Amino acid sequence: MNPIVRLAASATPGDRKFILLAGAGVSKDAGIPTAWDLMLKTAGLLYASDNEQIDPSVDLEQWFLQSKYVDLPYSELIEQIYPHYPDQQQFLKEYLEDHKVGESHLLIAELARRGIIRAVVTTNFDHFIEKALEEKGLNPQVISTEEDLQHSEPLIHCDAIRVYKPHGTLGRGALRNTPEDLRKLSSRMETELIRILSDHGVIVLGYAGADEGMARVLDQRSSNYYPLFWVDPMHPEGKRKGQVRRVV
C-alpha cells in the first residue's frame, strides 16, 4: 500500500498518535539559511585569515568553493571559527532571527492544532515552529535543557503541545553545534526521546539524519506500535533504511 495512504489513515484528528521530527528543511521556504548558506557566510572571515593582503574585488563565494574549507562539514567549520558557545549564539542569531514564519511551520502547527501530533522534536535552533504554534492559538512548552526535562511532567500528561530541542535553542544556554556535541545527546534527553518516539508514530520532515546523537535515538526506537514515515526525497541510510515507510 502507498505509504501516504497509510499515513493519512492513521493520522486521525484528536488522537495525537504522532511525534513530528523536523530538521532544517522545514525552514527552507521561509528563507532561513541552511547549513550550507551559513558556511558561505563565513567566507569573508576565512578569506581574511588566509590572506595577508585583502582584495576587495574577490568573489567570496567563488573563493570559498575553491578553498580547502569547502569539504568540511558545517559543524567542523563552525567549531574552528567559533569554538565558544556565546560566539556561536551570536553568529546564529544574526542570520536566523530576522525572518518570518514559513508555510511549513504553519502546516506543522496546524497538525498540532488538529490534535494529530502530540509533540515536535526539532534539531533547529530557531523559534519559528514555536511562533507558528502561537499563531495557531497554541501555547508550546519548550524542552531544550536537562533542567527542562527534570522539571516537566511525562509527555502523556502534558496538555500543551511540547517542542523538544535536543540541540538547544537560540538565546538560551549552550548549542550542540560541533562534531563532539552532535556525537551524543545528554543521557536524559536521549532516554526521553527514545521513549516518546517508541510510544508514538513518527513523521520525519526536512531532516537528513546525519548527526550521530539523533541517529542513535532513531536506531534504538522500538517500532512495536506505530510506524515511522520519513518524508524526504532521499531514503535514509544505515539501520533506519528498513524501518521506515518512505513518503515522497
Protein backbone atom coordinates (compact mmCIF):
# COMPACT_ATOMS: atom_id res chain seq x y z
CA MET A 1 0.00 0.00 0.00
CA ASN A 2 1.16 3.53 -0.74
CA PRO A 3 2.76 4.84 2.47
CA ILE A 4 0.98 8.19 2.22
CA VAL A 5 -2.37 6.37 2.29
CA ARG A 6 -1.30 4.53 5.46
CA LEU A 7 -0.17 7.82 6.98
CA ALA A 8 -3.44 9.56 6.13
CA ALA A 9 -5.46 6.65 7.50
CA SER A 10 -3.62 6.57 10.82
CA ALA A 11 -3.31 10.36 11.35
CA THR A 12 -6.74 10.78 12.92
CA PRO A 13 -7.52 14.28 14.26
CA GLY A 14 -7.69 14.34 18.05
CA ASP A 15 -5.76 11.10 18.61
CA ARG A 16 -2.32 12.74 18.93
CA LYS A 17 -0.66 9.49 17.86
CA PHE A 18 2.35 11.06 16.18
CA ILE A 19 5.57 12.88 17.02
CA LEU A 20 6.93 15.10 14.26
CA LEU A 21 10.71 15.17 13.86
CA ALA A 22 11.68 18.35 12.00
CA GLY A 23 15.05 19.29 10.54
CA ALA A 24 16.38 22.34 8.72
CA GLY A 25 14.36 21.53 5.59
CA VAL A 26 11.13 22.73 7.19
CA SER A 27 12.57 26.26 7.31
CA LYS A 28 13.69 26.41 3.68
CA ASP A 29 10.51 28.03 2.34
CA ALA A 30 10.83 30.79 4.95
CA GLY A 31 14.21 31.76 3.51
CA ILE A 32 16.06 30.73 6.65
CA PRO A 33 19.71 29.86 5.86
CA THR A 34 20.64 26.20 5.59
CA ALA A 35 23.90 24.83 6.96
CA TRP A 36 25.47 25.42 3.54
CA ASP A 37 24.21 29.03 3.48
CA LEU A 38 25.73 29.59 6.93
CA MET A 39 29.04 28.15 5.76
CA LEU A 40 29.10 30.68 2.92
CA LYS A 41 28.51 33.46 5.46
CA THR A 42 31.88 32.63 7.00
CA ALA A 43 33.77 33.06 3.72
CA GLY A 44 34.85 36.62 4.48
CA LEU A 45 36.39 35.63 7.80
CA LEU A 46 38.15 32.64 6.30
CA TYR A 47 39.49 34.65 3.37
CA ALA A 48 40.86 37.30 5.73
CA SER A 49 42.55 34.69 7.91
CA ASP A 50 44.22 33.03 4.91
CA ASN A 51 45.41 36.15 3.10
CA GLU A 52 47.65 38.90 4.41
CA GLN A 53 46.64 41.16 1.51
CA ILE A 54 42.87 41.59 1.16
CA ASP A 55 41.48 42.06 -2.34
CA PRO A 56 38.05 43.78 -2.02
CA SER A 57 37.06 42.66 -5.52
CA VAL A 58 37.28 38.94 -4.68
CA ASP A 59 34.07 36.97 -5.15
CA LEU A 60 33.95 35.38 -1.69
CA GLU A 61 31.53 32.64 -2.67
CA GLN A 62 33.73 31.55 -5.58
CA TRP A 63 36.81 31.75 -3.35
CA PHE A 64 35.11 29.55 -0.76
CA LEU A 65 34.07 26.98 -3.38
CA GLN A 66 37.69 26.61 -4.42
CA SER A 67 39.14 26.69 -0.91
CA LYS A 68 40.22 23.91 1.42
CA TYR A 69 37.19 24.67 3.60
CA VAL A 70 34.53 23.63 1.11
CA ASP A 71 34.74 19.92 2.01
CA LEU A 72 34.47 20.48 5.77
CA PRO A 73 31.15 19.57 7.41
CA TYR A 74 29.25 22.56 8.77
CA SER A 75 29.85 21.54 12.39
CA GLU A 76 33.63 21.31 11.95
CA LEU A 77 33.83 24.66 10.19
CA ILE A 78 31.80 26.44 12.86
CA GLU A 79 33.90 24.84 15.60
CA GLN A 80 37.08 26.20 14.01
CA ILE A 81 35.76 29.75 13.73
CA TYR A 82 33.56 29.94 16.84
CA PRO A 83 34.87 27.48 19.43
CA HIS A 84 32.89 29.10 22.28
CA TYR A 85 29.11 28.87 22.78
CA PRO A 86 28.42 32.62 23.21
CA ASP A 87 30.10 33.34 19.87
CA GLN A 88 28.10 30.57 18.19
CA GLN A 89 24.89 32.01 19.65
CA GLN A 90 25.72 35.48 18.35
CA PHE A 91 26.63 34.24 14.87
CA LEU A 92 23.45 32.19 14.52
CA LYS A 93 21.15 34.86 15.94
CA GLU A 94 22.43 37.32 13.34
CA TYR A 95 21.33 35.11 10.46
CA LEU A 96 18.41 33.10 11.84
CA GLU A 97 16.21 35.59 13.66
CA ASP A 98 15.29 38.15 11.01
CA HIS A 99 12.74 36.04 9.14
CA LYS A 100 9.02 35.39 9.15
CA VAL A 101 7.27 32.13 9.92
CA GLY A 102 7.09 29.95 6.81
CA GLU A 103 4.30 27.86 5.31
CA SER A 104 5.88 24.61 6.52
CA HIS A 105 5.99 25.93 10.09
CA LEU A 106 2.30 26.85 9.88
CA LEU A 107 1.36 23.44 8.46
CA ILE A 108 3.19 21.75 11.33
CA ALA A 109 1.29 23.99 13.75
CA GLU A 110 -1.97 23.04 12.04
CA LEU A 111 -1.22 19.34 12.63
CA ALA A 112 -0.80 20.19 16.30
CA ARG A 113 -3.98 22.28 16.40
CA ARG A 114 -5.96 19.39 14.93
CA GLY A 115 -4.55 17.01 17.53
CA ILE A 116 -2.67 14.82 15.05
CA ILE A 117 0.76 15.31 16.62
CA ARG A 118 1.43 15.31 20.35
CA ALA A 119 4.89 16.90 20.17
CA VAL A 120 7.57 18.20 17.84
CA VAL A 121 11.22 17.20 18.08
CA THR A 122 13.43 19.61 16.14
CA THR A 123 17.16 19.87 15.62
CA ASN A 124 16.70 23.53 14.63
CA PHE A 125 17.91 26.31 16.93
CA ASP A 126 15.42 28.93 15.75
CA HIS A 127 12.00 29.72 17.23
CA PHE A 128 9.83 29.59 14.12
CA ILE A 129 7.97 26.38 14.97
CA GLU A 130 7.09 27.84 18.38
CA LYS A 131 5.96 31.11 16.75
CA ALA A 132 3.78 29.19 14.28
CA LEU A 133 2.16 27.25 17.13
CA GLU A 134 1.41 30.51 18.91
CA GLU A 135 -0.12 31.94 15.72
CA LYS A 136 -2.47 28.95 15.73
CA GLY A 137 -3.53 29.78 19.29
CA LEU A 138 -1.40 27.12 21.00
CA ASN A 139 0.96 27.58 23.94
CA PRO A 140 4.05 25.45 23.30
CA GLN A 141 6.14 24.03 26.11
CA VAL A 142 9.81 24.08 25.04
CA ILE A 143 12.22 21.43 26.34
CA SER A 144 15.84 22.18 25.45
CA THR A 145 17.90 21.51 28.58
CA GLU A 146 18.41 18.87 31.26
CA GLU A 147 16.69 21.19 33.74
CA ASP A 148 13.62 21.48 31.49
CA LEU A 149 13.33 17.69 31.40
CA GLN A 150 13.88 17.31 35.12
CA HIS A 151 11.03 19.69 35.95
CA SER A 152 8.50 18.64 33.30
CA GLU A 153 5.67 16.15 33.61
CA PRO A 154 5.60 12.99 31.45
CA LEU A 155 4.58 13.82 27.90
CA ILE A 156 1.41 11.73 28.16
CA HIS A 157 0.18 14.08 30.93
CA CYS A 158 1.18 17.31 29.18
CA ASP A 159 -1.81 19.25 27.87
CA ALA A 160 0.32 21.72 25.90
CA ILE A 161 1.99 20.95 22.61
CA ARG A 162 5.59 20.19 23.54
CA VAL A 163 8.63 21.15 21.44
CA TYR A 164 11.81 19.19 22.18
CA LYS A 165 15.01 20.92 21.02
CA PRO A 166 17.80 18.42 21.77
CA HIS A 167 20.45 20.59 20.09
CA GLY A 168 19.46 23.65 22.09
CA THR A 169 17.64 26.90 21.33
CA LEU A 170 18.75 30.37 20.35
CA GLY A 171 19.29 32.77 23.23
CA ARG A 172 19.40 30.14 25.93
CA GLY A 173 22.44 28.18 27.07
CA ALA A 174 24.79 26.03 25.02
CA LEU A 175 24.08 24.82 21.49
CA ARG A 176 25.02 21.41 20.12
CA ASN A 177 26.82 22.72 17.09
CA THR A 178 30.21 20.97 16.86
CA PRO A 179 31.16 17.38 15.91
CA GLU A 180 31.76 16.46 19.55
CA ASP A 181 28.43 17.98 20.64
CA LEU A 182 26.49 16.15 17.93
CA ARG A 183 28.09 12.78 18.64
CA LYS A 184 25.86 12.11 21.65
CA LEU A 185 22.89 13.76 23.29
CA SER A 186 22.69 14.10 27.06
CA SER A 187 21.65 10.83 28.68
CA ARG A 188 18.39 12.26 30.00
CA MET A 189 17.42 13.74 26.62
CA GLU A 190 18.36 10.56 24.78
CA THR A 191 16.27 8.42 27.13
CA GLU A 192 13.30 10.77 26.82
CA LEU A 193 13.38 10.87 23.04
CA ILE A 194 13.74 7.11 22.67
CA ARG A 195 10.72 6.66 24.94
CA ILE A 196 8.41 9.14 23.23
CA LEU A 197 9.40 8.05 19.72
CA SER A 198 8.78 4.43 20.69
CA ASP A 199 5.34 5.23 22.14
CA HIS A 200 4.12 7.15 19.09
CA GLY A 201 4.15 7.08 15.34
CA VAL A 202 6.85 9.32 13.90
CA ILE A 203 6.76 11.67 10.91
CA VAL A 204 10.23 12.82 9.85
CA LEU A 205 10.17 16.04 7.83
CA GLY A 206 13.03 18.05 6.36
CA TYR A 207 15.66 16.06 8.21
CA ALA A 208 18.67 14.31 6.67
CA GLY A 209 19.52 12.13 9.69
CA ALA A 210 23.22 12.96 9.59
CA ASP A 211 24.08 13.65 13.24
CA GLU A 212 25.10 10.71 15.40
CA GLY A 213 23.15 11.67 18.52
CA MET A 214 19.74 11.69 16.84
CA ALA A 215 20.69 8.70 14.69
CA ARG A 216 21.28 6.72 17.89
CA VAL A 217 17.83 7.70 19.14
CA LEU A 218 16.17 6.57 15.92
CA ASP A 219 18.12 3.31 15.88
CA GLN A 220 17.03 2.49 19.44
CA ARG A 221 13.40 3.41 18.89
CA SER A 222 11.05 0.47 19.27
CA SER A 223 8.56 0.17 16.41
CA ASN A 224 6.09 -2.09 18.18
CA TYR A 225 3.13 0.28 17.96
CA TYR A 226 3.14 2.78 15.11
CA PRO A 227 5.32 3.14 12.01
CA LEU A 228 7.87 5.80 11.15
CA PHE A 229 7.20 7.83 7.99
CA TRP A 230 10.24 9.60 6.51
CA VAL A 231 9.06 12.43 4.25
CA ASP A 232 12.15 13.09 2.18
CA PRO A 233 13.27 12.72 -1.45
CA MET A 234 16.28 10.67 -0.30
CA HIS A 235 15.91 7.39 1.54
CA PRO A 236 17.70 7.27 4.94
CA GLU A 237 20.78 5.07 5.05
CA GLY A 238 22.00 2.50 7.57
CA LYS A 239 19.82 0.70 10.07
CA ARG A 240 16.90 3.10 9.62
CA LYS A 241 16.57 2.23 5.93
CA GLY A 242 14.50 -0.87 6.59
CA GLN A 243 12.49 0.62 9.45
CA VAL A 244 10.64 3.42 7.67
CA ARG A 245 7.74 3.95 5.32
CA ARG A 246 9.07 6.41 2.76
CA VAL A 247 6.63 9.17 1.78
CA VAL A 248 7.72 11.35 -1.13
